[in-house]
Amino acid sequence: MYWHLPPYVRQPNFRARPDDRFQGIVSVNMLCVPRQLHLNIEGAREVTGPTDDWRRPAG
């Protein structure tokens, strides 16, 4: 399982608006993949256990 935390608004966005009314807000998603697939998941932090919190700093 991995945390996937993309920003709520992407720049550049569909309407090409320069303002970001949702700055600092992310969409919280969890990606679940069977370990047997041995996939290399980049750009997402692995969930370390049942008490892991997506707000914990990466690293």
C-alpha atoms as a PDB file:
ATOM      1  CA  MET A   1       0.000   0.000   0.000  1.00  0.00           C
ATOM      2  CA  TYR A   2       1.210   3.464  -0.847  1.00  0.00           C
ATOM      3  CA  TRP A   3       0.104   7.016  -0.094  1.00  0.00           C
ATOM      4  CA  HIS A   4      -0.588   9.073  -3.226  1.00  0.00           C
ATOM      5  CA  LEU A   5      -0.928  12.776  -2.372  1.00  0.00           C
ATOM      6  CA  PRO A   6      -1.296  14.888  -5.534  1.00  0.00           C
ATOM      7  CA  PRO A   7      -2.050  18.605  -5.231  1.00  0.00           C
ATOM      8  CA  TYR A   8      -5.751  19.415  -5.569  1.00  0.00           C
ATOM      9  CA  VAL A   9      -5.030  21.895  -8.378  1.00  0.00           C
ATOM     10  CA  ARG A  10      -2.482  21.173 -11.074  1.00  0.00           C
ATOM     11  CA  GLN A  11      -0.428  23.898 -12.707  1.00  0.00           C
ATOM     12  CA  PRO A  12      -0.909  24.489 -15.587  1.00  0.00           C
ATOM     13  CA  ASN A  13      -4.573  23.625 -15.218  1.00  0.00           C
ATOM     14  CA  PHE A  14      -7.332  22.962 -17.763  1.00  0.00           C
ATOM     15  CA  ARG A  15      -8.655  26.530 -17.759  1.00  0.00           C
ATOM     16  CA  ALA A  16      -5.136  28.043 -17.683  1.00  0.00           C
ATOM     17  CA  ARG A  17      -5.960  30.020 -14.539  1.00  0.00           C
ATOM     18  CA  PRO A  18      -2.854  31.238 -12.729  1.00  0.00           C
ATOM     19  CA  ASP A  19      -4.501  31.459  -9.284  1.00  0.00           C
ATOM     20  CA  ASP A  20      -4.627  28.435  -7.003  1.00  0.00           C
ATOM     21  CA  ARG A  21      -7.492  28.792  -4.539  1.00  0.00           C
ATOM     22  CA  PHE A  22      -6.610  25.420  -3.016  1.00  0.00           C
ATOM     23  CA  GLN A  23      -2.885  25.970  -2.426  1.00  0.00           C
ATOM     24  CA  GLY A  24      -1.462  23.448   0.022  1.00  0.00           C
ATOM     25  CA  ILE A  25      -4.469  21.105  -0.228  1.00  0.00           C
ATOM     26  CA  VAL A  26      -3.929  17.567  -1.495  1.00  0.00           C
ATOM     27  CA  SER A  27      -6.172  14.708  -2.533  1.00  0.00           C
ATOM     28  CA  VAL A  28      -5.485  11.764  -0.190  1.00  0.00           C
ATOM     29  CA  ASN A  29      -5.425   8.441  -2.033  1.00  0.00           C
ATOM     30  CA  MET A  30      -4.141   4.996  -1.188  1.00  0.00           C
ATOM     31  CA  LEU A  31      -2.750   2.726  -3.896  1.00  0.00           C
ATOM     32  CA  CYS A  32      -2.942  -0.974  -3.025  1.00  0.00           C
ATOM     33  CA  VAL A  33      -0.892  -3.413  -5.102  1.00  0.00           C
ATOM     34  CA  PRO A  34      -0.201  -7.099  -4.363  1.00  0.00           C
ATOM     35  CA  ARG A  35       3.445  -7.565  -3.293  1.00  0.00           C
ATOM     36  CA  GLN A  36       3.668 -10.556  -5.639  1.00  0.00           C
ATOM     37  CA  LEU A  37       3.684  -8.166  -8.614  1.00  0.00           C
ATOM     38  CA  HIS A  38       7.043  -6.657  -7.509  1.00  0.00           C
ATOM     39  CA  LEU A  39       6.187  -3.264  -9.015  1.00  0.00           C
ATOM     40  CA  ASN A  40       8.473  -0.255  -8.632  1.00  0.00           C
ATOM     41  CA  ILE A  41       6.137   2.474  -7.334  1.00  0.00           C
ATOM     42  CA  GLU A  42       7.714   5.926  -7.738  1.00  0.00           C
ATOM     43  CA  GLY A  43       6.407   9.191  -6.351  1.00  0.00           C
ATOM     44  CA  ALA A  44       4.398   7.590  -3.555  1.00  0.00           C
ATOM     45  CA  ARG A  45       5.324   6.785   0.036  1.00  0.00           C
ATOM     46  CA  GLU A  46       4.779   3.254   1.315  1.00  0.00           C
ATOM     47  CA  VAL A  47       2.224   2.801   4.112  1.00  0.00           C
ATOM     48  CA  THR A  48       4.231   1.461   7.048  1.00  0.00           C
ATOM     49  CA  GLY A  49       1.406  -0.016   9.136  1.00  0.00           C
ATOM     50  CA  PRO A  50      -2.104   0.378  10.511  1.00  0.00           C
ATOM     51  CA  THR A  51      -1.194   3.472  12.528  1.00  0.00           C
ATOM     52  CA  ASP A  52       0.612   5.243   9.654  1.00  0.00           C
ATOM     53  CA  ASP A  53      -0.749   8.696   8.896  1.00  0.00           C
ATOM     54  CA  TRP A  54      -0.534  10.407   5.508  1.00  0.00           C
ATOM     55  CA  ARG A  55       0.277  13.690   7.301  1.00  0.00           C
ATOM     56  CA  ARG A  56       3.552  12.224   8.633  1.00  0.00           C
ATOM     57  CA  PRO A  57       6.508  13.906   6.888  1.00  0.00           C
ATOM     58  CA  ALA A  58       8.152  11.823   4.174  1.00  0.00           C
ATOM     59  CA  GLY A  59      11.620  10.517   4.862  1.00  0.00           C
END
